PDB file of N, CA and C in Angstrom:
ATOM      1  N   UNK A   1     116.049 155.429 115.260  1.00  0.00           N
ATOM      2  CA  UNK A   1     116.571 154.122 114.899  1.00  0.00           C
ATOM      3  C   UNK A   1     117.954 153.962 115.515  1.00  0.00           C
ATOM      4  N   UNK A   2     118.175 152.826 116.093  1.00  0.00           N
ATOM      5  CA  UNK A   2     119.469 152.545 116.713  1.00  0.00           C
ATOM      6  C   UNK A   2     120.388 151.858 115.711  1.00  0.00           C
ATOM      7  N   UNK A   3     121.607 151.634 116.145  1.00  0.00           N
ATOM      8  CA  UNK A   3     122.595 150.922 115.332  1.00  0.00           C
ATOM      9  C   UNK A   3     122.972 151.658 114.051  1.00  0.00           C
ATOM     10  N   UNK A   4     123.012 152.976 114.116  1.00  0.00           N
ATOM     11  CA  UNK A   4     123.450 153.768 112.977  1.00  0.00           C
ATOM     12  C   UNK A   4     124.856 154.263 113.265  1.00  0.00           C
ATOM     13  N   UNK A   5     125.747 154.042 112.314  1.00  0.00           N
ATOM     14  CA  UNK A   5     127.125 154.512 112.439  1.00  0.00           C
ATOM     15  C   UNK A   5     127.306 155.678 111.473  1.00  0.00           C
ATOM     16  N   UNK A   6     127.814 156.793 111.972  1.00  0.00           N
ATOM     17  CA  UNK A   6     128.082 157.962 111.134  1.00  0.00           C
ATOM     18  C   UNK A   6     129.572 158.016 110.846  1.00  0.00           C
ATOM     19  N   UNK A   7     129.918 158.156 109.563  1.00  0.00           N
ATOM     20  CA  UNK A   7     131.303 158.172 109.118  1.00  0.00           C
ATOM     21  C   UNK A   7     131.552 159.464 108.333  1.00  0.00           C
ATOM     22  N   UNK A   8     132.462 160.290 108.817  1.00  0.00           N
ATOM     23  CA  UNK A   8     132.804 161.530 108.131  1.00  0.00           C
ATOM     24  C   UNK A   8     133.590 161.201 106.858  1.00  0.00           C
ATOM     25  N   UNK A   9     133.199 161.820 105.734  1.00  0.00           N
ATOM     26  CA  UNK A   9     133.935 161.625 104.490  1.00  0.00           C
ATOM     27  C   UNK A   9     134.614 162.916 104.026  1.00  0.00           C
ATOM     28  N   UNK A  10     134.135 164.054 104.505  1.00  0.00           N
ATOM     29  CA  UNK A  10     134.769 165.352 104.273  1.00  0.00           C
ATOM     30  C   UNK A  10     134.213 166.309 105.329  1.00  0.00           C
ATOM     31  N   UNK A  11     134.595 167.566 105.272  1.00  0.00           N
ATOM     32  CA  UNK A  11     134.104 168.517 106.281  1.00  0.00           C
ATOM     33  C   UNK A  11     132.622 168.820 106.108  1.00  0.00           C
ATOM     34  N   UNK A  12     132.042 168.446 104.961  1.00  0.00           N
ATOM     35  CA  UNK A  12     130.622 168.725 104.704  1.00  0.00           C
ATOM     36  C   UNK A  12     129.845 167.503 104.209  1.00  0.00           C
ATOM     37  N   UNK A  13     130.403 166.318 104.396  1.00  0.00           N
ATOM     38  CA  UNK A  13     129.685 165.118 103.953  1.00  0.00           C
ATOM     39  C   UNK A  13     129.971 163.942 104.884  1.00  0.00           C
ATOM     40  N   UNK A  14     129.038 162.994 104.864  1.00  0.00           N
ATOM     41  CA  UNK A  14     129.165 161.827 105.715  1.00  0.00           C
ATOM     42  C   UNK A  14     128.397 160.665 105.125  1.00  0.00           C
ATOM     43  N   UNK A  15     128.651 159.512 105.679  1.00  0.00           N
ATOM     44  CA  UNK A  15     127.918 158.298 105.342  1.00  0.00           C
ATOM     45  C   UNK A  15     127.240 157.818 106.616  1.00  0.00           C
ATOM     46  N   UNK A  16     125.960 157.498 106.502  1.00  0.00           N
ATOM     47  CA  UNK A  16     125.270 156.820 107.588  1.00  0.00           C
ATOM     48  C   UNK A  16     125.220 155.347 107.214  1.00  0.00           C
ATOM     49  N   UNK A  17     125.700 154.504 108.117  1.00  0.00           N
ATOM     50  CA  UNK A  17     125.783 153.066 107.844  1.00  0.00           C
ATOM     51  C   UNK A  17     124.915 152.313 108.829  1.00  0.00           C
ATOM     52  N   UNK A  18     124.111 151.401 108.301  1.00  0.00           N
ATOM     53  CA  UNK A  18     123.214 150.595 109.120  1.00  0.00           C
ATOM     54  C   UNK A  18     123.417 149.124 108.797  1.00  0.00           C
ATOM     55  N   UNK A  19     123.249 148.296 109.789  1.00  0.00           N
ATOM     56  CA  UNK A  19     123.297 146.855 109.601  1.00  0.00           C
ATOM     57  C   UNK A  19     121.936 146.411 109.080  1.00  0.00           C
ATOM     58  N   UNK A  20     121.896 145.814 107.905  1.00  0.00           N
ATOM     59  CA  UNK A  20     120.633 145.384 107.295  1.00  0.00           C
ATOM     60  C   UNK A  20     119.882 144.423 108.205  1.00  0.00           C
ATOM     61  N   UNK A  21     120.598 143.543 108.873  1.00  0.00           N
ATOM     62  CA  UNK A  21     119.951 142.555 109.742  1.00  0.00           C
ATOM     63  C   UNK A  21     119.257 143.190 110.940  1.00  0.00           C
ATOM     64  N   UNK A  22     119.620 144.424 111.289  1.00  0.00           N
ATOM     65  CA  UNK A  22     119.003 145.109 112.423  1.00  0.00           C
ATOM     66  C   UNK A  22     117.779 145.924 112.011  1.00  0.00           C
ATOM     67  N   UNK A  23     117.486 145.987 110.698  1.00  0.00           N
ATOM     68  CA  UNK A  23     116.344 146.763 110.223  1.00  0.00           C
ATOM     69  C   UNK A  23     115.069 145.928 110.252  1.00  0.00           C
ATOM     70  N   UNK A  24     114.030 146.484 110.811  1.00  0.00           N
ATOM     71  CA  UNK A  24     112.728 145.819 110.765  1.00  0.00           C
ATOM     72  C   UNK A  24     112.208 145.878 109.331  1.00  0.00           C
ATOM     73  N   UNK A  25     111.193 145.096 109.027  1.00  0.00           N
ATOM     74  CA  UNK A  25     110.620 145.147 107.669  1.00  0.00           C
ATOM     75  C   UNK A  25     110.067 146.535 107.380  1.00  0.00           C
ATOM     76  N   UNK A  26     109.509 147.188 108.387  1.00  0.00           N
ATOM     77  CA  UNK A  26     108.990 148.552 108.222  1.00  0.00           C
ATOM     78  C   UNK A  26     110.128 149.507 107.863  1.00  0.00           C
ATOM     79  N   UNK A  27     111.264 149.382 108.557  1.00  0.00           N
ATOM     80  CA  UNK A  27     112.426 150.227 108.260  1.00  0.00           C
ATOM     81  C   UNK A  27     113.005 149.905 106.884  1.00  0.00           C
ATOM     82  N   UNK A  28     112.991 148.640 106.503  1.00  0.00           N
ATOM     83  CA  UNK A  28     113.474 148.260 105.177  1.00  0.00           C
ATOM     84  C   UNK A  28     112.648 148.940 104.093  1.00  0.00           C
ATOM     85  N   UNK A  29     111.341 148.934 104.246  1.00  0.00           N
ATOM     86  CA  UNK A  29     110.463 149.586 103.277  1.00  0.00           C
ATOM     87  C   UNK A  29     110.714 151.091 103.284  1.00  0.00           C
ATOM     88  N   UNK A  30     110.953 151.652 104.455  1.00  0.00           N
ATOM     89  CA  UNK A  30     111.227 153.088 104.546  1.00  0.00           C
ATOM     90  C   UNK A  30     112.524 153.450 103.812  1.00  0.00           C
ATOM     91  N   UNK A  31     113.533 152.626 103.934  1.00  0.00           N
ATOM     92  CA  UNK A  31     114.821 152.908 103.296  1.00  0.00           C
ATOM     93  C   UNK A  31     114.868 152.514 101.826  1.00  0.00           C
ATOM     94  N   UNK A  32     114.337 151.344 101.494  1.00  0.00           N
ATOM     95  CA  UNK A  32     114.489 150.803 100.154  1.00  0.00           C
ATOM     96  C   UNK A  32     113.243 150.940  99.285  1.00  0.00           C
ATOM     97  N   UNK A  33     112.102 151.252  99.904  1.00  0.00           N
ATOM     98  CA  UNK A  33     110.843 151.289  99.165  1.00  0.00           C
ATOM     99  C   UNK A  33     110.208 149.911  99.057  1.00  0.00           C
ATOM    100  N   UNK A  34     110.879 148.914  99.613  1.00  0.00           N
ATOM    101  CA  UNK A  34     110.387 147.526  99.612  1.00  0.00           C
ATOM    102  C   UNK A  34     111.213 146.726 100.614  1.00  0.00           C
ATOM    103  N   UNK A  35     110.794 145.513 100.864  1.00  0.00           N
ATOM    104  CA  UNK A  35     111.536 144.623 101.759  1.00  0.00           C
ATOM    105  C   UNK A  35     112.855 144.253 101.090  1.00  0.00           C
ATOM    106  N   UNK A  36     113.922 144.183 101.872  1.00  0.00           N
ATOM    107  CA  UNK A  36     115.270 143.932 101.357  1.00  0.00           C
ATOM    108  C   UNK A  36     115.335 142.695 100.464  1.00  0.00           C
ATOM    109  N   UNK A  37     114.653 141.635 100.833  1.00  0.00           N
ATOM    110  CA  UNK A  37     114.718 140.387 100.050  1.00  0.00           C
ATOM    111  C   UNK A  37     114.121 140.551  98.653  1.00  0.00           C
ATOM    112  N   UNK A  38     113.351 141.600  98.403  1.00  0.00           N
ATOM    113  CA  UNK A  38     112.750 141.842  97.085  1.00  0.00           C
ATOM    114  C   UNK A  38     113.612 142.728  96.185  1.00  0.00           C
ATOM    115  N   UNK A  39     114.767 143.146  96.664  1.00  0.00           N
ATOM    116  CA  UNK A  39     115.623 144.038  95.887  1.00  0.00           C
ATOM    117  C   UNK A  39     116.439 143.238  94.890  1.00  0.00           C
ATOM    118  N   UNK A  40     116.432 143.705  93.645  1.00  0.00           N
ATOM    119  CA  UNK A  40     117.227 143.107  92.582  1.00  0.00           C
ATOM    120  C   UNK A  40     118.661 143.616  92.736  1.00  0.00           C
ATOM    121  N   UNK A  41     119.646 142.773  92.571  1.00  0.00           N
ATOM    122  CA  UNK A  41     121.042 143.158  92.779  1.00  0.00           C
ATOM    123  C   UNK A  41     121.525 144.270  91.840  1.00  0.00           C
ATOM    124  N   UNK A  42     120.814 144.545  90.753  1.00  0.00           N
ATOM    125  CA  UNK A  42     121.228 145.569  89.796  1.00  0.00           C
ATOM    126  C   UNK A  42     120.441 146.872  89.936  1.00  0.00           C
ATOM    127  N   UNK A  43     119.553 146.946  90.921  1.00  0.00           N
ATOM    128  CA  UNK A  43     118.760 148.164  91.116  1.00  0.00           C
ATOM    129  C   UNK A  43     119.619 149.324  91.604  1.00  0.00           C
ATOM    130  N   UNK A  44     119.307 150.520  91.098  1.00  0.00           N
ATOM    131  CA  UNK A  44     119.926 151.740  91.595  1.00  0.00           C
ATOM    132  C   UNK A  44     119.047 152.216  92.757  1.00  0.00           C
ATOM    133  N   UNK A  45     119.603 152.254  93.943  1.00  0.00           N
ATOM    134  CA  UNK A  45     118.818 152.598  95.128  1.00  0.00           C
ATOM    135  C   UNK A  45     119.132 154.000  95.610  1.00  0.00           C
ATOM    136  N   UNK A  46     118.111 154.679  96.120  1.00  0.00           N
ATOM    137  CA  UNK A  46     118.297 155.988  96.730  1.00  0.00           C
ATOM    138  C   UNK A  46     117.487 156.057  98.014  1.00  0.00           C
ATOM    139  N   UNK A  47     117.952 156.888  98.923  1.00  0.00           N
ATOM    140  CA  UNK A  47     117.208 157.197 100.139  1.00  0.00           C
ATOM    141  C   UNK A  47     116.492 158.509  99.880  1.00  0.00           C
ATOM    142  N   UNK A  48     115.205 158.565 100.166  1.00  0.00           N
ATOM    143  CA  UNK A  48     114.435 159.779  99.925  1.00  0.00           C
ATOM    144  C   UNK A  48     114.201 160.498 101.245  1.00  0.00           C
ATOM    145  N   UNK A  49     114.733 161.710 101.336  1.00  0.00           N
ATOM    146  CA  UNK A  49     114.519 162.585 102.491  1.00  0.00           C
ATOM    147  C   UNK A  49     113.350 163.491 102.123  1.00  0.00           C
ATOM    148  N   UNK A  50     112.241 163.363 102.850  1.00  0.00           N
ATOM    149  CA  UNK A  50     111.024 164.081 102.476  1.00  0.00           C
ATOM    150  C   UNK A  50     111.059 165.564 102.814  1.00  0.00           C
ATOM    151  N   UNK A  51     111.771 165.943 103.858  1.00  0.00           N
ATOM    152  CA  UNK A  51     111.858 167.339 104.277  1.00  0.00           C
ATOM    153  C   UNK A  51     113.310 167.681 104.575  1.00  0.00           C
ATOM    154  N   UNK A  52     113.646 168.966 104.507  1.00  0.00           N
ATOM    155  CA  UNK A  52     114.979 169.392 104.933  1.00  0.00           C
ATOM    156  C   UNK A  52     115.164 168.975 106.390  1.00  0.00           C
ATOM    157  N   UNK A  53     116.380 168.624 106.749  1.00  0.00           N
ATOM    158  CA  UNK A  53     116.679 168.168 108.108  1.00  0.00           C
ATOM    159  C   UNK A  53     117.873 168.949 108.633  1.00  0.00           C
ATOM    160  N   UNK A  54     117.773 169.397 109.881  1.00  0.00           N
ATOM    161  CA  UNK A  54     118.869 170.113 110.515  1.00  0.00           C
ATOM    162  C   UNK A  54     119.546 169.206 111.539  1.00  0.00           C
ATOM    163  N   UNK A  55     120.833 168.953 111.339  1.00  0.00           N
ATOM    164  CA  UNK A  55     121.596 168.158 112.287  1.00  0.00           C
ATOM    165  C   UNK A  55     121.914 169.001 113.514  1.00  0.00           C
ATOM    166  N   UNK A  56     121.990 168.356 114.657  1.00  0.00           N
ATOM    167  CA  UNK A  56     122.294 169.069 115.894  1.00  0.00           C
ATOM    168  C   UNK A  56     123.758 169.508 115.910  1.00  0.00           C
ATOM    169  N   UNK A  57     124.013 170.570 116.620  1.00  0.00           N
ATOM    170  CA  UNK A  57     125.376 171.075 116.763  1.00  0.00           C
ATOM    171  C   UNK A  57     126.266 170.008 117.405  1.00  0.00           C
ATOM    172  N   UNK A  58     125.747 169.297 118.396  1.00  0.00           N
ATOM    173  CA  UNK A  58     126.515 168.238 119.060  1.00  0.00           C
ATOM    174  C   UNK A  58     126.956 167.159 118.071  1.00  0.00           C
ATOM    175  N   UNK A  59     126.040 166.758 117.190  1.00  0.00           N
ATOM    176  CA  UNK A  59     126.356 165.737 116.190  1.00  0.00           C
ATOM    177  C   UNK A  59     127.475 166.227 115.271  1.00  0.00           C
ATOM    178  N   UNK A  60     127.358 167.468 114.797  1.00  0.00           N
ATOM    179  CA  UNK A  60     128.365 168.032 113.893  1.00  0.00           C
ATOM    180  C   UNK A  60     129.728 168.131 114.567  1.00  0.00           C
ATOM    181  N   UNK A  61     129.732 168.569 115.820  1.00  0.00           N
ATOM    182  CA  UNK A  61     130.993 168.684 116.561  1.00  0.00           C
ATOM    183  C   UNK A  61     131.614 167.322 116.829  1.00  0.00           C
ATOM    184  N   UNK A  62     130.787 166.359 117.162  1.00  0.00           N
ATOM    185  CA  UNK A  62     131.285 165.011 117.445  1.00  0.00           C
ATOM    186  C   UNK A  62     131.999 164.418 116.230  1.00  0.00           C
ATOM    187  N   UNK A  63     131.473 164.684 115.035  1.00  0.00           N
ATOM    188  CA  UNK A  63     132.098 164.154 113.825  1.00  0.00           C
ATOM    189  C   UNK A  63     133.133 165.108 113.233  1.00  0.00           C
ATOM    190  N   UNK A  64     133.301 166.251 113.876  1.00  0.00           N
ATOM    191  CA  UNK A  64     134.228 167.276 113.403  1.00  0.00           C
ATOM    192  C   UNK A  64     133.870 167.749 111.996  1.00  0.00           C
ATOM    193  N   UNK A  65     132.562 167.965 111.774  1.00  0.00           N
ATOM    194  CA  UNK A  65     132.069 168.510 110.513  1.00  0.00           C
ATOM    195  C   UNK A  65     132.030 170.029 110.610  1.00  0.00           C
ATOM    196  N   UNK A  66     132.014 170.698 109.480  1.00  0.00           N
ATOM    197  CA  UNK A  66     131.924 172.157 109.437  1.00  0.00           C
ATOM    198  C   UNK A  66     130.539 172.561 109.944  1.00  0.00           C
ATOM    199  N   UNK A  67     130.472 173.262 111.065  1.00  0.00           N
ATOM    200  CA  UNK A  67     129.185 173.571 111.688  1.00  0.00           C
ATOM    201  C   UNK A  67     128.347 174.569 110.882  1.00  0.00           C
ATOM    202  N   UNK A  68     128.940 175.207 109.897  1.00  0.00           N
ATOM    203  CA  UNK A  68     128.157 176.085 109.018  1.00  0.00           C
ATOM    204  C   UNK A  68     127.273 175.272 108.081  1.00  0.00           C
ATOM    205  N   UNK A  69     127.626 174.022 107.865  1.00  0.00           N
ATOM    206  CA  UNK A  69     126.880 173.121 106.987  1.00  0.00           C
ATOM    207  C   UNK A  69     126.134 172.124 107.868  1.00  0.00           C
ATOM    208  N   UNK A  70     124.913 172.465 108.216  1.00  0.00           N
ATOM    209  CA  UNK A  70     124.180 171.615 109.161  1.00  0.00           C
ATOM    210  C   UNK A  70     122.872 171.080 108.613  1.00  0.00           C
ATOM    211  N   UNK A  71     122.609 171.315 107.321  1.00  0.00           N
ATOM    212  CA  UNK A  71     121.326 170.921 106.747  1.00  0.00           C
ATOM    213  C   UNK A  71     121.476 169.829 105.699  1.00  0.00           C
ATOM    214  N   UNK A  72     120.566 168.875 105.761  1.00  0.00           N
ATOM    215  CA  UNK A  72     120.406 167.865 104.725  1.00  0.00           C
ATOM    216  C   UNK A  72     119.174 168.276 103.940  1.00  0.00           C
ATOM    217  N   UNK A  73     119.333 168.533 102.663  1.00  0.00           N
ATOM    218  CA  UNK A  73     118.221 168.970 101.824  1.00  0.00           C
ATOM    219  C   UNK A  73     117.313 167.796 101.481  1.00  0.00           C
ATOM    220  N   UNK A  74     116.028 168.101 101.344  1.00  0.00           N
ATOM    221  CA  UNK A  74     115.096 167.054 100.926  1.00  0.00           C
ATOM    222  C   UNK A  74     115.462 166.608  99.516  1.00  0.00           C
ATOM    223  N   UNK A  75     115.134 165.379  99.230  1.00  0.00           N
ATOM    224  CA  UNK A  75     115.433 164.830  97.908  1.00  0.00           C
ATOM    225  C   UNK A  75     116.017 163.433  98.022  1.00  0.00           C
ATOM    226  N   UNK A  76     116.617 162.980  96.940  1.00  0.00           N
ATOM    227  CA  UNK A  76     117.173 161.632  96.882  1.00  0.00           C
ATOM    228  C   UNK A  76     118.665 161.656  97.183  1.00  0.00           C
ATOM    229  N   UNK A  77     119.100 160.670  97.957  1.00  0.00           N
ATOM    230  CA  UNK A  77     120.499 160.549  98.347  1.00  0.00           C
ATOM    231  C   UNK A  77     120.958 159.130  98.026  1.00  0.00           C
ATOM    232  N   UNK A  78     122.178 158.988  97.466  1.00  0.00           N
ATOM    233  CA  UNK A  78     122.672 157.669  97.058  1.00  0.00           C
ATOM    234  C   UNK A  78     122.703 156.666  98.214  1.00  0.00           C
ATOM    235  N   UNK A  79     122.300 155.473  97.902  1.00  0.00           N
ATOM    236  CA  UNK A  79     122.246 154.398  98.878  1.00  0.00           C
ATOM    237  C   UNK A  79     122.978 153.203  98.280  1.00  0.00           C
ATOM    238  N   UNK A  80     123.860 152.597  99.059  1.00  0.00           N
ATOM    239  CA  UNK A  80     124.641 151.456  98.587  1.00  0.00           C
ATOM    240  C   UNK A  80     124.537 150.323  99.588  1.00  0.00           C
ATOM    241  N   UNK A  81     124.478 149.122  99.082  1.00  0.00           N
ATOM    242  CA  UNK A  81     124.487 147.936  99.938  1.00  0.00           C
ATOM    243  C   UNK A  81     125.827 147.264  99.762  1.00  0.00           C
ATOM    244  N   UNK A  82     126.546 147.100 100.877  1.00  0.00           N
ATOM    245  CA  UNK A  82     127.852 146.470 100.876  1.00  0.00           C
ATOM    246  C   UNK A  82     127.817 145.364 101.926  1.00  0.00           C
ATOM    247  N   UNK A  83     127.814 144.136 101.436  1.00  0.00           N
ATOM    248  CA  UNK A  83     127.679 142.953 102.294  1.00  0.00           C
ATOM    249  C   UNK A  83     126.404 143.076 103.114  1.00  0.00           C
ATOM    250  N   UNK A  84     126.496 143.131 104.433  1.00  0.00           N
ATOM    251  CA  UNK A  84     125.300 143.201 105.276  1.00  0.00           C
ATOM    252  C   UNK A  84     125.047 144.609 105.805  1.00  0.00           C
ATOM    253  N   UNK A  85     125.626 145.609 105.137  1.00  0.00           N
ATOM    254  CA  UNK A  85     125.476 147.011 105.553  1.00  0.00           C
ATOM    255  C   UNK A  85     124.804 147.810 104.442  1.00  0.00           C
ATOM    256  N   UNK A  86     124.034 148.799 104.854  1.00  0.00           N
ATOM    257  CA  UNK A  86     123.493 149.761 103.903  1.00  0.00           C
ATOM    258  C   UNK A  86     124.125 151.104 104.242  1.00  0.00           C
ATOM    259  N   UNK A  87     124.591 151.809 103.225  1.00  0.00           N
ATOM    260  CA  UNK A  87     125.244 153.101 103.420  1.00  0.00           C
ATOM    261  C   UNK A  87     124.503 154.172 102.627  1.00  0.00           C
ATOM    262  N   UNK A  88     124.212 155.280 103.312  1.00  0.00           N
ATOM    263  CA  UNK A  88     123.565 156.430 102.694  1.00  0.00           C
ATOM    264  C   UNK A  88     124.577 157.565 102.669  1.00  0.00           C
ATOM    265  N   UNK A  89     124.887 158.069 101.471  1.00  0.00           N
ATOM    266  CA  UNK A  89     125.839 159.176 101.326  1.00  0.00           C
ATOM    267  C   UNK A  89     125.081 160.489 101.421  1.00  0.00           C
ATOM    268  N   UNK A  90     125.542 161.361 102.327  1.00  0.00           N
ATOM    269  CA  UNK A  90     124.862 162.628 102.564  1.00  0.00           C
ATOM    270  C   UNK A  90     125.823 163.796 102.391  1.00  0.00           C
ATOM    271  N   UNK A  91     125.362 164.837 101.730  1.00  0.00           N
ATOM    272  CA  UNK A  91     126.111 166.082 101.587  1.00  0.00           C
ATOM    273  C   UNK A  91     125.331 167.151 102.322  1.00  0.00           C
ATOM    274  N   UNK A  92     126.019 167.884 103.189  1.00  0.00           N
ATOM    275  CA  UNK A  92     125.376 168.904 104.006  1.00  0.00           C
ATOM    276  C   UNK A  92     125.466 170.267 103.322  1.00  0.00           C
ATOM    277  N   UNK A  93     124.518 171.129 103.645  1.00  0.00           N
ATOM    278  CA  UNK A  93     124.424 172.463 103.046  1.00  0.00           C
ATOM    279  C   UNK A  93     124.277 173.518 104.120  1.00  0.00           C
ATOM    280  N   UNK A  94     124.605 174.757 103.728  1.00  0.00           N
ATOM    281  CA  UNK A  94     124.339 175.908 104.589  1.00  0.00           C
ATOM    282  C   UNK A  94     122.863 176.235 104.488  1.00  0.00           C
ATOM    283  N   UNK A  95     122.382 177.023 105.434  1.00  0.00           N
ATOM    284  CA  UNK A  95     120.969 177.418 105.428  1.00  0.00           C
ATOM    285  C   UNK A  95     120.620 178.220 104.204  1.00  0.00           C
TER     286      UNK A  95
END
């Protein structure tokens, strides 16, 4: 997926930010579990990572993250909608 902005929040955490208007309906369902227009403003949203994910060394170095923490664990991750952006908060782990 294009148009993803990665923002470092600490040496082991980051936010991935996407423009809602750039998401296809398929991507909206993947991120929100439904089309964006069907989301209630009071819903607690999470992003579900189905499998552990290993970030590339290049990505970690580019953001100046601790390279010992390169894994995103499967599970639910907080998701926030701010104006026309969706932000996913991620905490990285060691192997």
